[in-house]
């Protein structure tokens, strides 16, 4: 069932038009001897006739196996007929089987602008085709400044990878063709897309007049989901998690809202990334500061062990003797230059032991004594240190000897030395 033919003098004949597109009537060619008509694609001879449903069409006298027009199915012809009828009903000039001057493409239906330039191709794609091939054909149209929409009846791997509408033919006379997939609207909360239906004639009119445009969701609401179903809408009938319907027909307002939402999301991501980078820099700074403090602390401990001649094990004995001697819960801080590189001694007080009170200084460097030595008890490891402190005392000092080697304990009050340090 072919809808176009060529005449040597009249040009292209289109049986969907009352004047056949060339100023002739159907009666001028139907059952008229001497009218020679050829196929626009293969050049073979074709003749006009009526189907059982009184549908006008052309048929090949000898059906060529390689002619796509001769081998198109009834579904294909009926869909093309509906597309061209819908375009014309929307007020546009539309022609069937329009080929590019280079022959690189041939549109099932070509819709023209008022100035005669090509506006949009409407393609009935019912035969199998790969997503790569249909993308290449779409690029050819785009290269030539022609918009395109591909129409089909059922899911295919290419569906939704290019501007697509799936449609359903009427089951009974008087019913209209319907769009079953390809139209989507954005929810008021801008959180999801959902599919919507329409009459095919309305959808064709909307796309030709710019009331709907192909749009690939940009914002976080990229998945088009059926109501109450969080699966990707296309997955429900492609039965594949990999088949993703990417390009939807929607209103320019929805597309603009989606683009604005995507911009805000991108800005929020940039701000979040900047914040994370700032936090990362702060972490690096803190880690460096922590490492610097640790290195300084390690140096202070190394100097402390070297000066006092103690090691970790002897220090444990010293600390145990101090707690036993004073009968208090003591905590020893790190070597502190504020206390002559000695280790400040704190007493834990309070019901939960969280209150620390400075109670003395352990093993300070006698050369670095300051005013605090007049007020705080000094804890040392031997009487030799007592003698050294006595030589440098400028005021009375309270000194406790806690010998970790012998376990000996003693208490001394050192008077001021004759020569002040």
Protein backbone atom coordinates (compact mmCIF):
# COMPACT_ATOMS: atom_id res chain seq x y z
CA UNK A 1 0.00 0.00 0.00
CA UNK A 2 2.00 2.94 -1.37
CA UNK A 3 0.78 6.53 -1.09
CA UNK A 4 2.97 8.36 -3.62
CA UNK A 5 3.98 7.97 -7.24
CA UNK A 6 5.76 10.01 -9.92
CA UNK A 7 4.41 11.15 -13.28
CA UNK A 8 6.72 12.33 -16.04
CA UNK A 9 4.79 15.59 -16.57
CA UNK A 10 2.70 16.10 -13.42
CA UNK A 11 5.48 15.37 -10.94
CA UNK A 12 4.83 13.79 -7.54
CA UNK A 13 1.32 12.39 -6.89
CA UNK A 14 0.06 12.07 -3.32
CA UNK A 15 -3.17 10.13 -2.84
CA UNK A 16 -3.75 11.71 0.59
CA UNK A 17 -4.52 15.05 -1.14
CA UNK A 18 -7.75 15.77 -2.98
CA UNK A 19 -5.89 17.14 -6.00
CA UNK A 20 -3.12 14.53 -5.64
CA UNK A 21 -0.73 17.43 -5.04
CA UNK A 22 -0.53 18.16 -8.77
CA UNK A 23 -3.93 19.60 -9.63
CA UNK A 24 -5.38 16.28 -10.80
CA UNK A 25 -8.26 14.22 -9.49
CA UNK A 26 -8.24 10.58 -8.45
CA UNK A 27 -10.59 9.83 -11.32
CA UNK A 28 -7.95 11.15 -13.74
CA UNK A 29 -5.63 8.27 -12.91
CA UNK A 30 -7.77 5.48 -11.44
CA UNK A 31 -8.59 2.86 -14.08
CA UNK A 32 -7.45 5.24 -16.82
CA UNK A 33 -5.42 3.70 -19.61
CA UNK A 34 -2.22 5.34 -20.75
CA UNK A 35 -1.32 6.95 -17.42
CA UNK A 36 2.21 5.84 -16.64
CA UNK A 37 3.26 6.16 -13.02
CA UNK A 38 6.53 5.11 -11.35
CA UNK A 39 7.73 4.48 -7.82
CA UNK A 40 9.68 7.43 -6.32
CA UNK A 41 12.25 5.03 -4.89
CA UNK A 42 12.88 2.17 -7.29
CA UNK A 43 11.44 3.66 -10.49
CA UNK A 44 9.30 0.61 -11.13
CA UNK A 45 5.83 0.91 -12.64
CA UNK A 46 2.96 1.40 -10.17
CA UNK A 47 -0.81 1.59 -10.60
CA UNK A 48 -3.57 3.23 -8.56
CA UNK A 49 -6.28 1.23 -6.83
CA UNK A 50 -8.68 1.18 -3.87
CA UNK A 51 -8.37 -1.18 -0.94
CA UNK A 52 -11.30 -3.11 0.56
CA UNK A 53 -11.70 -0.19 2.94
CA UNK A 54 -11.78 2.25 0.00
CA UNK A 55 -8.28 3.53 0.82
CA UNK A 56 -6.55 5.02 -2.22
CA UNK A 57 -3.03 3.77 -2.86
CA UNK A 58 -0.54 2.62 -5.47
CA UNK A 59 0.85 -0.85 -5.99
CA UNK A 60 3.77 -2.25 -7.98
CA UNK A 61 2.96 -4.27 -11.03
CA UNK A 62 5.96 -6.44 -10.16
CA UNK A 63 6.90 -6.15 -6.49
CA UNK A 64 10.66 -5.52 -6.24
CA UNK A 65 12.33 -7.21 -3.25
CA UNK A 66 14.63 -4.25 -2.45
CA UNK A 67 12.14 -1.34 -2.65
CA UNK A 68 11.28 -0.14 0.86
CA UNK A 69 8.10 1.60 -0.34
CA UNK A 70 6.82 -1.55 -1.96
CA UNK A 71 7.57 -3.61 1.14
CA UNK A 72 6.15 -1.26 3.75
CA UNK A 73 3.54 -2.84 6.00
CA UNK A 74 -0.06 -1.74 6.30
CA UNK A 75 0.72 -0.41 9.80
CA UNK A 76 3.47 1.76 8.35
CA UNK A 77 1.20 3.22 5.68
CA UNK A 78 -1.62 3.93 8.11
CA UNK A 79 0.76 5.64 10.56
CA UNK A 80 2.24 7.78 7.77
CA UNK A 81 -1.26 8.69 6.67
CA UNK A 82 -2.19 9.76 10.19
CA UNK A 83 1.00 11.80 10.56
CA UNK A 84 0.57 13.71 7.32
CA UNK A 85 -3.14 14.25 8.05
CA UNK A 86 -2.35 15.58 11.54
CA UNK A 87 0.29 17.96 10.21
CA UNK A 88 -2.09 19.34 7.59
CA UNK A 89 -4.89 19.64 10.17
CA UNK A 90 -2.52 21.79 12.24
CA UNK A 91 -2.29 24.23 9.31
CA UNK A 92 1.02 23.14 7.82
CA UNK A 93 2.00 22.04 4.36
CA UNK A 94 3.11 18.41 4.55
CA UNK A 95 4.29 16.00 1.90
CA UNK A 96 5.00 12.29 1.81
CA UNK A 97 8.29 10.67 0.83
CA UNK A 98 10.45 13.81 0.59
CA UNK A 99 14.10 13.05 -0.08
CA UNK A 100 17.19 15.13 0.55
CA UNK A 101 18.85 16.59 -2.57
CA UNK A 102 21.85 14.39 -1.80
CA UNK A 103 19.69 11.32 -1.29
CA UNK A 104 21.11 10.78 2.22
CA UNK A 105 17.67 10.72 3.80
CA UNK A 106 14.03 10.39 2.80
CA UNK A 107 11.35 11.55 5.21
CA UNK A 108 8.11 9.63 5.51
CA UNK A 109 6.42 12.99 6.09
CA UNK A 110 8.11 16.36 5.61
CA UNK A 111 6.43 19.40 7.14
CA UNK A 112 7.25 22.80 5.68
CA UNK A 113 7.36 26.34 7.03
CA UNK A 114 5.10 28.98 5.43
CA UNK A 115 8.11 30.18 3.40
CA UNK A 116 8.54 26.69 1.94
CA UNK A 117 11.62 25.74 3.95
CA UNK A 118 11.74 22.36 5.61
CA UNK A 119 10.54 22.43 9.22
CA UNK A 120 10.33 18.90 10.54
CA UNK A 121 10.46 15.27 9.47
CA UNK A 122 7.93 12.83 10.90
CA UNK A 123 9.33 9.31 10.64
CA UNK A 124 7.36 6.11 11.12
CA UNK A 125 10.02 3.67 12.32
CA UNK A 126 8.51 0.21 12.59
CA UNK A 127 11.28 -1.96 11.17
CA UNK A 128 14.26 -2.97 13.35
CA UNK A 129 17.11 -0.45 13.61
CA UNK A 130 19.99 -0.01 16.03
CA UNK A 131 20.30 2.96 18.36
CA UNK A 132 23.56 3.88 16.60
CA UNK A 133 21.96 3.89 13.14
CA UNK A 134 18.94 5.96 14.16
CA UNK A 135 21.23 8.42 15.93
CA UNK A 136 23.25 8.77 12.71
CA UNK A 137 20.07 9.38 10.68
CA UNK A 138 18.96 11.98 13.24
CA UNK A 139 22.29 13.77 12.90
CA UNK A 140 21.83 13.94 9.11
CA UNK A 141 18.53 15.74 9.61
CA UNK A 142 20.06 18.08 12.18
CA UNK A 143 22.94 18.83 9.83
CA UNK A 144 20.43 19.96 7.21
CA UNK A 145 18.50 22.09 9.71
CA UNK A 146 15.52 19.74 9.91
CA UNK A 147 13.95 18.71 13.21
CA UNK A 148 12.75 15.13 13.45
CA UNK A 149 10.53 12.91 15.56
CA UNK A 150 10.48 9.13 15.32
CA UNK A 151 7.19 7.28 15.79
CA UNK A 152 6.74 3.63 16.70
CA UNK A 153 4.27 1.18 18.16
CA UNK A 154 6.29 -0.75 20.74
CA UNK A 155 9.51 -0.60 22.77
CA UNK A 156 12.76 -0.98 20.91
CA UNK A 157 16.38 -0.46 22.03
CA UNK A 158 16.52 2.89 20.18
CA UNK A 159 13.30 4.25 21.70
CA UNK A 160 13.97 7.38 23.75
CA UNK A 161 17.57 7.74 22.58
CA UNK A 162 16.29 10.21 19.96
CA UNK A 163 13.10 12.34 19.96
CA UNK A 164 10.44 9.64 20.07
CA UNK A 165 6.72 9.08 20.45
CA UNK A 166 5.13 5.66 20.74
CA UNK A 167 1.57 5.54 19.48
CA UNK A 168 -1.44 3.25 19.38
CA UNK A 169 -3.79 2.85 16.44
CA UNK A 170 -7.55 3.04 17.05
CA UNK A 171 -9.27 -0.28 17.57
CA UNK A 172 -12.56 0.85 16.07
CA UNK A 173 -13.76 3.37 13.54
CA UNK A 174 -14.30 6.80 15.01
CA UNK A 175 -11.59 6.41 17.63
CA UNK A 176 -8.43 8.52 17.55
CA UNK A 177 -4.78 7.62 17.44
CA UNK A 178 -3.19 7.98 20.89
CA UNK A 179 0.33 8.70 22.18
CA UNK A 180 1.28 5.98 24.64
CA UNK A 181 4.83 7.04 25.49
CA UNK A 182 7.21 9.93 24.99
CA UNK A 183 5.30 12.81 26.59
CA UNK A 184 6.29 13.80 30.14
CA UNK A 185 5.53 16.51 32.66
CA UNK A 186 7.48 17.74 35.69
CA UNK A 187 5.89 17.51 39.12
CA UNK A 188 5.13 20.81 40.92
CA UNK A 189 7.74 19.96 43.54
CA UNK A 190 10.39 19.52 40.79
CA UNK A 191 11.28 16.12 42.20
CA UNK A 192 10.10 13.76 39.45
CA UNK A 193 8.88 13.43 35.90
CA UNK A 194 5.81 11.39 35.00
CA UNK A 195 4.50 10.20 31.62
CA UNK A 196 1.35 11.65 30.13
CA UNK A 197 -0.81 10.75 27.15
CA UNK A 198 -2.51 12.72 24.38
CA UNK A 199 -4.16 12.35 21.01
CA UNK A 200 -1.55 11.88 18.29
CA UNK A 201 -3.03 14.75 16.27
CA UNK A 202 -2.63 17.07 19.27
CA UNK A 203 0.94 15.95 19.89
CA UNK A 204 1.90 16.55 16.25
CA UNK A 205 0.31 20.01 16.36
CA UNK A 206 2.11 20.83 19.61
CA UNK A 207 5.54 19.83 18.32
CA UNK A 208 5.11 21.70 15.04
CA UNK A 209 4.03 24.89 16.84
CA UNK A 210 6.70 24.64 19.54
CA UNK A 211 4.31 23.90 22.39
CA UNK A 212 6.35 20.80 23.17
CA UNK A 213 10.07 20.26 22.62
CA UNK A 214 12.41 17.28 23.01
CA UNK A 215 14.18 17.52 26.34
CA UNK A 216 16.58 15.32 28.26
CA UNK A 217 15.96 15.77 32.01
CA UNK A 218 18.87 17.64 33.58
CA UNK A 219 18.11 18.01 37.27
CA UNK A 220 18.13 15.42 40.02
CA UNK A 221 14.65 14.30 38.89
CA UNK A 222 16.06 12.56 35.83
CA UNK A 223 13.97 9.43 36.06
CA UNK A 224 10.50 9.46 34.53
CA UNK A 225 8.41 7.33 36.86
CA UNK A 226 4.86 6.11 36.67
CA UNK A 227 2.63 7.22 39.52
CA UNK A 228 3.35 5.22 42.66
CA UNK A 229 6.24 3.40 40.97
CA UNK A 230 9.83 4.43 41.55
CA UNK A 231 11.18 2.32 38.72
CA UNK A 232 12.25 4.14 35.60
CA UNK A 233 9.06 4.29 33.56
CA UNK A 234 10.64 2.77 30.47
CA UNK A 235 12.01 -0.17 32.46
CA UNK A 236 8.51 -1.44 33.14
CA UNK A 237 8.07 -2.52 29.56
CA UNK A 238 11.58 -2.76 28.16
CA UNK A 239 12.33 -5.21 30.98
CA UNK A 240 15.88 -4.01 31.14
CA UNK A 241 17.65 -1.87 33.71
CA UNK A 242 19.99 -0.69 30.96
CA UNK A 243 17.32 0.69 28.60
CA UNK A 244 16.85 4.29 29.67
CA UNK A 245 14.43 6.62 27.88
CA UNK A 246 16.50 9.79 27.79
CA UNK A 247 14.77 12.29 25.48
CA UNK A 248 11.18 13.24 26.29
CA UNK A 249 8.73 15.63 24.68
CA UNK A 250 7.60 18.24 27.18
CA UNK A 251 6.59 21.90 27.31
CA UNK A 252 9.26 24.60 27.12
CA UNK A 253 8.11 25.78 30.56
CA UNK A 254 8.85 22.36 32.08
CA UNK A 255 12.19 22.25 30.27
CA UNK A 256 13.06 25.72 31.61
CA UNK A 257 12.07 24.73 35.16
CA UNK A 258 14.19 21.61 34.88
CA UNK A 259 17.16 23.60 33.56
CA UNK A 260 16.79 26.15 36.37
CA UNK A 261 16.59 23.35 38.93
CA UNK A 262 19.69 21.76 37.39
CA UNK A 263 21.55 25.09 37.65
CA UNK A 264 20.60 25.42 41.31
CA UNK A 265 21.63 21.83 41.97
CA UNK A 266 24.96 22.44 40.22
CA UNK A 267 25.48 25.59 42.28
CA UNK A 268 24.66 23.67 45.46
CA UNK A 269 27.12 20.95 44.43
CA UNK A 270 29.79 23.58 43.77
CA UNK A 271 29.17 25.16 47.16
CA UNK A 272 29.24 21.76 48.82
CA UNK A 273 32.43 20.88 46.97
CA UNK A 274 33.99 24.21 47.98
CA UNK A 275 32.96 23.57 51.58
CA UNK A 276 34.36 20.06 51.46
CA UNK A 277 37.61 21.36 49.95
CA UNK A 278 37.82 24.05 52.64
CA UNK A 279 37.19 21.42 55.30
CA UNK A 280 39.83 19.22 53.71
CA UNK A 281 42.31 22.10 53.79
CA UNK A 282 41.46 22.72 57.44
CA UNK A 283 41.98 19.04 58.15
CA UNK A 284 45.38 19.21 56.49
CA UNK A 285 46.24 22.28 58.57
CA UNK A 286 45.03 20.58 61.74
CA UNK A 287 46.96 17.42 60.89
CA UNK A 288 50.09 19.48 60.29
CA UNK A 289 49.56 21.34 63.54
CA UNK A 290 48.93 18.06 65.30
CA UNK A 291 52.06 16.58 63.76
CA UNK A 292 54.05 19.67 64.76
CA UNK A 293 52.76 19.46 68.31
CA UNK A 294 53.49 15.74 68.43
CA UNK A 295 57.01 16.29 67.14
CA UNK A 296 57.57 19.00 69.74
CA UNK A 297 56.11 16.74 72.41
CA UNK A 298 58.32 13.85 71.31
CA UNK A 299 61.37 16.13 71.46
CA UNK A 300 60.33 17.34 74.91
CA UNK A 301 59.97 13.76 76.18
CA UNK A 302 63.27 12.75 74.63
CA UNK A 303 64.99 15.67 76.34
CA UNK A 304 63.20 14.83 79.60
CA UNK A 305 64.30 11.18 79.56
CA UNK A 306 67.83 12.19 78.67
CA UNK A 307 68.08 14.84 81.40
CA UNK A 308 66.52 12.75 84.18
CA UNK A 309 68.05 9.40 83.21
CA UNK A 310 64.63 7.78 83.48
CA UNK A 311 62.83 5.53 81.03
CA UNK A 312 59.21 4.50 80.64
CA UNK A 313 59.46 1.66 83.18
CA UNK A 314 61.21 3.75 85.83
CA UNK A 315 58.69 6.50 85.29
CA UNK A 316 55.85 4.09 86.04
CA UNK A 317 57.56 3.28 89.35
CA UNK A 318 58.02 6.99 90.08
CA UNK A 319 54.35 7.71 89.39
CA UNK A 320 53.16 4.77 91.50
CA UNK A 321 55.34 5.84 94.43
CA UNK A 322 53.95 9.39 94.17
CA UNK A 323 50.32 8.24 94.25
CA UNK A 324 51.04 5.90 97.15
CA UNK A 325 52.98 8.51 99.08
CA UNK A 326 50.42 11.30 98.70
CA UNK A 327 47.37 9.00 98.68
CA UNK A 328 45.83 10.94 95.84
CA UNK A 329 44.73 10.29 92.28
CA UNK A 330 47.45 12.06 90.32
CA UNK A 331 47.90 12.83 86.66
CA UNK A 332 51.26 13.76 85.19
CA UNK A 333 51.33 16.12 82.21
CA UNK A 334 53.89 16.26 79.43
CA UNK A 335 57.18 18.09 79.91
CA UNK A 336 56.25 21.77 79.95
CA UNK A 337 58.65 24.71 79.37
CA UNK A 338 56.42 26.82 81.62
CA UNK A 339 57.54 24.65 84.51
CA UNK A 340 61.24 24.32 83.74
CA UNK A 341 60.65 21.41 81.35
CA UNK A 342 59.32 19.42 84.30
CA UNK A 343 56.06 17.53 84.22
CA UNK A 344 53.15 19.30 85.94
CA UNK A 345 51.34 17.14 88.49
CA UNK A 346 47.55 17.41 88.73
CA UNK A 347 45.25 16.04 91.36
CA UNK A 348 41.91 14.71 90.20
CA UNK A 349 39.07 15.93 92.37
CA UNK A 350 35.30 16.08 92.23
CA UNK A 351 32.73 13.27 92.14
CA UNK A 352 33.64 12.19 88.62
CA UNK A 353 37.32 13.06 88.72
CA UNK A 354 37.00 15.66 85.98
CA UNK A 355 38.38 18.55 88.04
CA UNK A 356 42.16 18.79 87.82
CA UNK A 357 44.12 20.90 90.28
CA UNK A 358 47.80 21.73 89.79
CA UNK A 359 49.54 20.12 92.77
CA UNK A 360 53.26 20.15 91.93
CA UNK A 361 56.00 19.76 89.33
CA UNK A 362 57.98 16.56 88.72
CA UNK A 363 61.69 16.63 87.83
CA UNK A 364 62.06 20.27 86.65
CA UNK A 365 65.36 21.48 85.21
CA UNK A 366 67.08 23.25 88.15
CA UNK A 367 68.43 25.85 85.74
CA UNK A 368 64.98 26.94 84.69
CA UNK A 369 63.21 27.48 87.99
CA UNK A 370 60.84 30.41 88.22
CA UNK A 371 58.42 31.92 90.72
CA UNK A 372 56.15 28.88 90.55
CA UNK A 373 58.85 26.91 92.40
CA UNK A 374 58.12 28.98 95.52
CA UNK A 375 54.50 27.81 95.59
CA UNK A 376 54.39 24.29 94.12
CA UNK A 377 55.96 21.18 95.64
CA UNK A 378 58.82 19.77 93.58
CA UNK A 379 59.00 16.00 93.05
CA UNK A 380 62.46 14.58 92.25
CA UNK A 381 64.04 11.16 91.86
CA UNK A 382 67.12 11.44 94.11
CA UNK A 383 68.83 13.40 96.86
CA UNK A 384 71.37 14.51 94.30
CA UNK A 385 68.63 16.59 92.66
CA UNK A 386 67.80 18.00 96.08
CA UNK A 387 71.37 19.21 96.42
CA UNK A 388 71.26 20.77 92.97
CA UNK A 389 68.02 22.56 93.80
CA UNK A 390 69.47 23.77 97.08
CA UNK A 391 72.33 25.46 95.25
CA UNK A 392 69.81 27.41 93.15
CA UNK A 393 67.06 28.15 95.65
CA UNK A 394 66.30 31.84 96.16
CA UNK A 395 63.34 31.06 98.38
CA UNK A 396 62.18 28.13 100.52
CA UNK A 397 61.25 25.12 98.34
CA UNK A 398 59.16 22.08 99.25
CA UNK A 399 60.93 19.03 97.75
CA UNK A 400 59.81 15.38 97.78
CA UNK A 401 62.23 12.61 96.90
CA UNK A 402 60.55 9.59 95.23
CA UNK A 403 63.34 7.24 94.19
CA UNK A 404 62.11 4.76 91.53
CA UNK A 405 65.29 2.72 91.84
CA UNK A 406 65.10 2.02 95.59
CA UNK A 407 61.52 2.98 96.43
CA UNK A 408 62.92 5.48 98.99
CA UNK A 409 60.77 8.52 99.82
CA UNK A 410 61.70 11.65 101.68
CA UNK A 411 60.56 15.22 102.22
CA UNK A 412 62.80 18.25 102.55
CA UNK A 413 62.32 21.95 102.94
CA UNK A 414 65.17 23.72 101.17
CA UNK A 415 66.16 27.12 102.55
CA UNK A 416 67.34 29.89 100.21
CA UNK A 417 70.91 29.51 99.00
CA UNK A 418 73.53 32.04 100.00
CA UNK A 419 73.87 33.22 96.39
CA UNK A 420 70.65 33.61 94.50
CA UNK A 421 70.57 32.16 91.06
